[in-house]
Protein backbone atom coordinates (compact mmCIF):
# COMPACT_ATOMS: atom_id res chain seq x y z
CA MET A 1 2.86 -8.38 -4.76
CA GLN A 2 0.79 -9.65 -1.87
CA SER A 3 3.60 -8.83 0.54
CA VAL A 4 3.66 -5.21 -0.70
CA ALA A 5 -0.08 -4.92 -0.08
CA GLU A 6 0.33 -6.40 3.39
CA LEU A 7 3.21 -4.04 4.18
CA THR A 8 1.17 -1.06 2.98
CA ARG A 9 -1.81 -2.13 5.04
CA LEU A 10 0.31 -2.43 8.18
CA SER A 11 2.46 0.68 7.70
CA ALA A 12 -0.13 3.25 8.82
CA PRO A 13 -0.89 1.58 12.18
CA VAL A 14 2.82 1.09 12.83
CA LEU A 15 3.57 4.74 12.06
CA LYS A 16 0.67 5.80 14.27
CA TYR A 17 2.07 3.74 17.15
CA VAL A 18 5.54 5.22 16.66
CA ARG A 19 4.17 8.76 16.50
CA ARG A 20 2.25 8.24 19.73
CA GLY A 21 5.38 6.92 21.39
CA LEU A 22 7.20 10.06 20.32
CA GLY A 23 4.43 12.31 21.61
CA PHE A 24 2.78 13.28 18.30
CA TRP A 25 -0.77 12.56 19.47
CA ARG A 26 -2.47 14.83 16.92
CA PHE A 27 -0.83 13.34 13.85
CA ASP A 28 -3.57 12.02 11.52
CA LEU A 29 -2.64 9.13 9.25
CA SER A 30 -6.01 8.66 7.56
CA ASP A 31 -4.94 10.63 4.47
CA TYR A 32 -1.66 8.71 4.27
CA GLU A 33 -3.48 5.39 4.66
CA CYS A 34 -5.92 6.35 1.87
CA ARG A 35 -3.08 7.34 -0.50
CA MET A 36 -1.12 4.16 0.24
CA SER A 37 -4.20 2.00 -0.38
CA ALA A 38 -4.81 3.72 -3.70
CA THR A 39 -1.15 3.31 -4.66
CA THR A 40 -1.24 -0.39 -3.80
CA GLU A 41 -4.39 -0.92 -5.84
CA LYS A 42 -2.84 0.84 -8.84
CA ALA A 43 0.36 -1.22 -8.54
CA GLN A 44 -1.61 -4.46 -8.31
CA ALA A 45 -3.69 -3.49 -11.36
CA THR A 46 -0.53 -2.63 -13.31
CA LEU A 47 1.10 -5.94 -12.45
CA THR A 48 -2.06 -7.84 -13.36
CA ASP A 49 -2.24 -6.06 -16.73
CA LEU A 50 1.44 -6.78 -17.36
CA GLN A 51 0.99 -10.44 -16.50
CA ASN A 52 -2.05 -10.70 -18.77
CA SER A 53 -0.13 -9.02 -21.59
CA VAL A 54 2.81 -11.40 -21.21
CA ASN A 55 0.49 -14.40 -21.11
CA ALA A 56 -1.31 -13.19 -24.24
CA SER A 57 1.95 -12.68 -26.13
CA ILE A 58 3.17 -16.17 -25.23
CA LYS A 59 0.07 -17.89 -26.62
């Protein structure tokens, strides 16, 4: 899951760089970056809850 978080964190700057290279100087990625961060946090919380549930059922 850590790799997904790292990929999400790096995706907005990479897209911004690509957009600039293509000439889209006014494209704002702050909203996209905020949504991706929230999605990553939710996915991490879901996986943590799932892991805790599995660990509790094993005991």
